[in-house]
Amino acid sequence: MEAAMIGDLGLLALRLVLGLVFLGHGAQ
């Protein structure tokens, strides 16, 4: 297991979730 890869996936997932939440609140 590469910690760097897991970290990148975590940041990508976090950014995606925050983006969806931001867009969701903006649309409402």
PDB file of N, CA and C in Angstrom:
ATOM      1  N   MET A   1       0.850  -1.201   0.000  1.00  0.00           N
ATOM      2  CA  MET A   1       0.000   0.000   0.000  1.00  0.00           C
ATOM      3  C   MET A   1       0.880   1.244   0.000  1.00  0.00           C
ATOM      4  N   GLU A   2       0.631   2.147  -0.930  1.00  0.00           N
ATOM      5  CA  GLU A   2       1.415   3.380  -0.977  1.00  0.00           C
ATOM      6  C   GLU A   2       0.628   4.499  -0.310  1.00  0.00           C
ATOM      7  N   ALA A   3       1.192   5.048   0.754  1.00  0.00           N
ATOM      8  CA  ALA A   3       0.505   6.112   1.498  1.00  0.00           C
ATOM      9  C   ALA A   3       0.230   7.313   0.603  1.00  0.00           C
ATOM     10  N   ALA A   4       1.151   7.591  -0.314  1.00  0.00           N
ATOM     11  CA  ALA A   4       0.985   8.745  -1.203  1.00  0.00           C
ATOM     12  C   ALA A   4      -0.261   8.574  -2.065  1.00  0.00           C
ATOM     13  N   MET A   5      -0.445   7.368  -2.600  1.00  0.00           N
ATOM     14  CA  MET A   5      -1.606   7.120  -3.463  1.00  0.00           C
ATOM     15  C   MET A   5      -2.895   7.252  -2.654  1.00  0.00           C
ATOM     16  N   ILE A   6      -2.895   6.676  -1.441  1.00  0.00           N
ATOM     17  CA  ILE A   6      -4.084   6.745  -0.581  1.00  0.00           C
ATOM     18  C   ILE A   6      -4.378   8.201  -0.231  1.00  0.00           C
ATOM     19  N   GLY A   7      -3.335   8.972   0.032  1.00  0.00           N
ATOM     20  CA  GLY A   7      -3.518  10.385   0.369  1.00  0.00           C
ATOM     21  C   GLY A   7      -4.115  11.147  -0.802  1.00  0.00           C
ATOM     22  N   ASP A   8      -3.611  10.880  -2.021  1.00  0.00           N
ATOM     23  CA  ASP A   8      -4.129  11.566  -3.211  1.00  0.00           C
ATOM     24  C   ASP A   8      -5.592  11.215  -3.427  1.00  0.00           C
ATOM     25  N   LEU A   9      -5.939   9.934  -3.262  1.00  0.00           N
ATOM     26  CA  LEU A   9      -7.336   9.516  -3.443  1.00  0.00           C
ATOM     27  C   LEU A   9      -8.211  10.178  -2.388  1.00  0.00           C
ATOM     28  N   GLY A  10      -7.697  10.304  -1.177  1.00  0.00           N
ATOM     29  CA  GLY A  10      -8.461  10.937  -0.097  1.00  0.00           C
ATOM     30  C   GLY A  10      -8.728  12.401  -0.413  1.00  0.00           C
ATOM     31  N   LEU A  11      -7.690  13.108  -0.890  1.00  0.00           N
ATOM     32  CA  LEU A  11      -7.858  14.521  -1.232  1.00  0.00           C
ATOM     33  C   LEU A  11      -8.826  14.672  -2.392  1.00  0.00           C
ATOM     34  N   LEU A  12      -8.721  13.795  -3.380  1.00  0.00           N
ATOM     35  CA  LEU A  12      -9.608  13.856  -4.544  1.00  0.00           C
ATOM     36  C   LEU A  12     -11.053  13.614  -4.115  1.00  0.00           C
ATOM     37  N   ALA A  13     -11.267  12.616  -3.272  1.00  0.00           N
ATOM     38  CA  ALA A  13     -12.624  12.311  -2.792  1.00  0.00           C
ATOM     39  C   ALA A  13     -13.171  13.476  -1.973  1.00  0.00           C
ATOM     40  N   LEU A  14     -12.327  14.031  -1.096  1.00  0.00           N
ATOM     41  CA  LEU A  14     -12.758  15.153  -0.262  1.00  0.00           C
ATOM     42  C   LEU A  14     -13.136  16.343  -1.130  1.00  0.00           C
ATOM     43  N   ARG A  15     -12.296  16.630  -2.133  1.00  0.00           N
ATOM     44  CA  ARG A  15     -12.557  17.757  -3.037  1.00  0.00           C
ATOM     45  C   ARG A  15     -13.856  17.523  -3.808  1.00  0.00           C
ATOM     46  N   LEU A  16     -14.087  16.277  -4.234  1.00  0.00           N
ATOM     47  CA  LEU A  16     -15.306  15.954  -4.986  1.00  0.00           C
ATOM     48  C   LEU A  16     -16.537  16.154  -4.103  1.00  0.00           C
ATOM     49  N   VAL A  17     -16.472  15.654  -2.862  1.00  0.00           N
ATOM     50  CA  VAL A  17     -17.603  15.791  -1.931  1.00  0.00           C
ATOM     51  C   VAL A  17     -17.878  17.261  -1.646  1.00  0.00           C
ATOM     52  N   LEU A  18     -16.827  18.024  -1.355  1.00  0.00           N
ATOM     53  CA  LEU A  18     -17.013  19.451  -1.070  1.00  0.00           C
ATOM     54  C   LEU A  18     -17.595  20.159  -2.281  1.00  0.00           C
ATOM     55  N   GLY A  19     -17.147  19.788  -3.464  1.00  0.00           N
ATOM     56  CA  GLY A  19     -17.648  20.401  -4.698  1.00  0.00           C
ATOM     57  C   GLY A  19     -19.126  20.105  -4.887  1.00  0.00           C
ATOM     58  N   LEU A  20     -19.524  18.853  -4.658  1.00  0.00           N
ATOM     59  CA  LEU A  20     -20.934  18.472  -4.815  1.00  0.00           C
ATOM     60  C   LEU A  20     -21.793  19.206  -3.795  1.00  0.00           C
ATOM     61  N   VAL A  21     -21.311  19.303  -2.562  1.00  0.00           N
ATOM     62  CA  VAL A  21     -22.065  20.001  -1.509  1.00  0.00           C
ATOM     63  C   VAL A  21     -22.198  21.481  -1.858  1.00  0.00           C
ATOM     64  N   PHE A  22     -21.100  22.085  -2.319  1.00  0.00           N
ATOM     65  CA  PHE A  22     -21.113  23.510  -2.678  1.00  0.00           C
ATOM     66  C   PHE A  22     -22.088  23.755  -3.818  1.00  0.00           C
ATOM     67  N   LEU A  23     -22.028  22.903  -4.858  1.00  0.00           N
ATOM     68  CA  LEU A  23     -22.928  23.051  -6.009  1.00  0.00           C
ATOM     69  C   LEU A  23     -24.368  22.783  -5.582  1.00  0.00           C
ATOM     70  N   GLY A  24     -24.559  21.831  -4.686  1.00  0.00           N
ATOM     71  CA  GLY A  24     -25.902  21.499  -4.213  1.00  0.00           C
ATOM     72  C   GLY A  24     -26.533  22.686  -3.492  1.00  0.00           C
ATOM     73  N   HIS A  25     -25.767  23.328  -2.602  1.00  0.00           N
ATOM     74  CA  HIS A  25     -26.292  24.481  -1.873  1.00  0.00           C
ATOM     75  C   HIS A  25     -26.506  25.655  -2.820  1.00  0.00           C
ATOM     76  N   GLY A  26     -25.628  25.785  -3.814  1.00  0.00           N
ATOM     77  CA  GLY A  26     -25.743  26.897  -4.760  1.00  0.00           C
ATOM     78  C   GLY A  26     -26.974  26.753  -5.637  1.00  0.00           C
ATOM     79  N   ALA A  27     -27.330  25.493  -5.969  1.00  0.00           N
ATOM     80  CA  ALA A  27     -28.471  25.259  -6.853  1.00  0.00           C
ATOM     81  C   ALA A  27     -29.784  25.537  -6.118  1.00  0.00           C
ATOM     82  N   GLN A  28     -29.771  25.296  -4.806  1.00  0.00           N
ATOM     83  CA  GLN A  28     -31.021  25.484  -4.060  1.00  0.00           C
ATOM     84  C   GLN A  28     -31.247  26.933  -3.857  1.00  0.00           C
TER      85      GLN A  28
END
